[in-house]
Amino acid sequence: MKEKHPIQNIYDELLDLRIIENQTDFSIMCGRTPAWFSCLKARRLPITTDAELTLAYKLRRKARTSICPTTHNRLITISDYLFEIAEH
């Protein structure tokens, strides 16, 4: 069975929250080119600290404008997680 890329869970959750619609949207939210996430997964490369921080800040901004408390909390949780792994 093929193992998921470590960042795939975040991608899946953002899809579920309808923050993104596809891999292109996710790549752009990470501050990268549209094909970046697809290439990252195909090559089994880790997400860079810069991309983690860019995504974390964008999710934090999006959380501030969310009118749904559940979405706000989930985005803050994801953002906190990204900040935490970027530290290490």
Protein backbone atom coordinates (compact mmCIF):
# COMPACT_ATOMS: atom_id res chain seq x y z
CA MET A 1 0.00 0.00 0.00
CA LYS A 2 1.32 3.43 -0.96
CA GLU A 3 2.11 5.64 2.03
CA LYS A 4 0.65 9.16 2.13
CA HIS A 5 2.93 12.16 1.83
CA PRO A 6 3.23 13.82 5.28
CA ILE A 7 1.55 17.05 4.14
CA GLN A 8 -1.32 15.15 2.48
CA ASN A 9 -3.41 15.24 5.68
CA ILE A 10 -3.31 19.05 5.68
CA TYR A 11 -4.19 19.10 2.00
CA ASP A 12 -7.14 16.76 2.63
CA GLU A 13 -8.39 18.85 5.54
CA LEU A 14 -8.23 22.07 3.51
CA LEU A 15 -10.18 20.33 0.75
CA ASP A 16 -12.75 19.26 3.31
CA LEU A 17 -13.04 22.84 4.60
CA ARG A 18 -13.35 24.07 0.99
CA ILE A 19 -10.41 26.41 1.46
CA ILE A 20 -8.85 24.90 -1.66
CA GLU A 21 -10.29 23.00 -4.60
CA ASN A 22 -7.24 21.20 -5.96
CA GLN A 23 -3.47 20.73 -5.84
CA THR A 24 -2.92 23.93 -7.80
CA ASP A 25 -4.76 25.98 -5.16
CA PHE A 26 -2.73 24.29 -2.43
CA SER A 27 0.55 25.02 -4.23
CA ILE A 28 -0.36 28.67 -4.61
CA MET A 29 -1.37 28.93 -0.94
CA CYS A 30 2.10 27.63 -0.10
CA GLY A 31 3.57 30.43 -2.22
CA ARG A 32 4.76 28.09 -4.94
CA THR A 33 4.13 27.40 -8.63
CA PRO A 34 0.86 25.65 -9.57
CA ALA A 35 2.53 22.24 -10.14
CA TRP A 36 4.65 22.34 -6.97
CA PHE A 37 2.54 20.07 -4.74
CA SER A 38 2.15 17.46 -7.45
CA CYS A 39 5.93 17.37 -7.97
CA LEU A 40 6.58 17.33 -4.21
CA LYS A 41 4.39 14.25 -3.80
CA ALA A 42 5.76 12.46 -6.86
CA ARG A 43 9.34 12.93 -5.69
CA ARG A 44 8.48 12.21 -2.03
CA LEU A 45 10.20 15.44 -0.97
CA PRO A 46 9.48 17.11 2.36
CA ILE A 47 7.74 20.46 2.43
CA THR A 48 10.18 23.30 2.91
CA THR A 49 10.10 25.50 5.99
CA ASP A 50 9.38 28.51 3.82
CA ALA A 51 6.33 26.83 2.27
CA GLU A 52 5.11 25.71 5.73
CA LEU A 53 5.37 29.23 7.10
CA THR A 54 3.73 30.80 4.05
CA LEU A 55 0.81 28.38 4.33
CA ALA A 56 0.55 28.87 8.10
CA TYR A 57 0.35 32.67 7.76
CA LYS A 58 -2.21 32.47 4.95
CA LEU A 59 -4.37 30.07 6.95
CA ARG A 60 -4.13 32.35 9.99
CA ARG A 61 -5.34 35.29 7.86
CA LYS A 62 -8.16 33.19 6.41
CA ALA A 63 -9.20 32.10 9.92
CA ARG A 64 -9.59 35.75 10.96
CA THR A 65 -12.16 36.30 8.20
CA SER A 66 -14.07 33.05 8.75
CA ILE A 67 -17.59 33.45 10.08
CA CYS A 68 -17.84 29.76 11.00
CA PRO A 69 -16.32 29.05 14.45
CA THR A 70 -15.51 25.45 13.49
CA THR A 71 -13.64 26.49 10.37
CA HIS A 72 -11.84 29.22 12.32
CA ASN A 73 -10.70 26.73 14.97
CA ARG A 74 -9.58 24.12 12.45
CA LEU A 75 -7.56 26.67 10.47
CA ILE A 76 -5.88 27.95 13.64
CA THR A 77 -5.07 24.36 14.67
CA ILE A 78 -3.52 23.60 11.26
CA SER A 79 -1.60 26.87 11.34
CA ASP A 80 -0.27 26.16 14.84
CA TYR A 81 0.82 22.69 13.71
CA LEU A 82 2.67 24.15 10.70
CA PHE A 83 4.43 26.71 12.91
CA GLU A 84 5.43 23.93 15.29
CA ILE A 85 6.93 21.65 12.64
CA ALA A 86 8.67 24.62 10.99
CA GLU A 87 10.51 25.24 14.27
CA HIS A 88 12.09 21.78 14.19
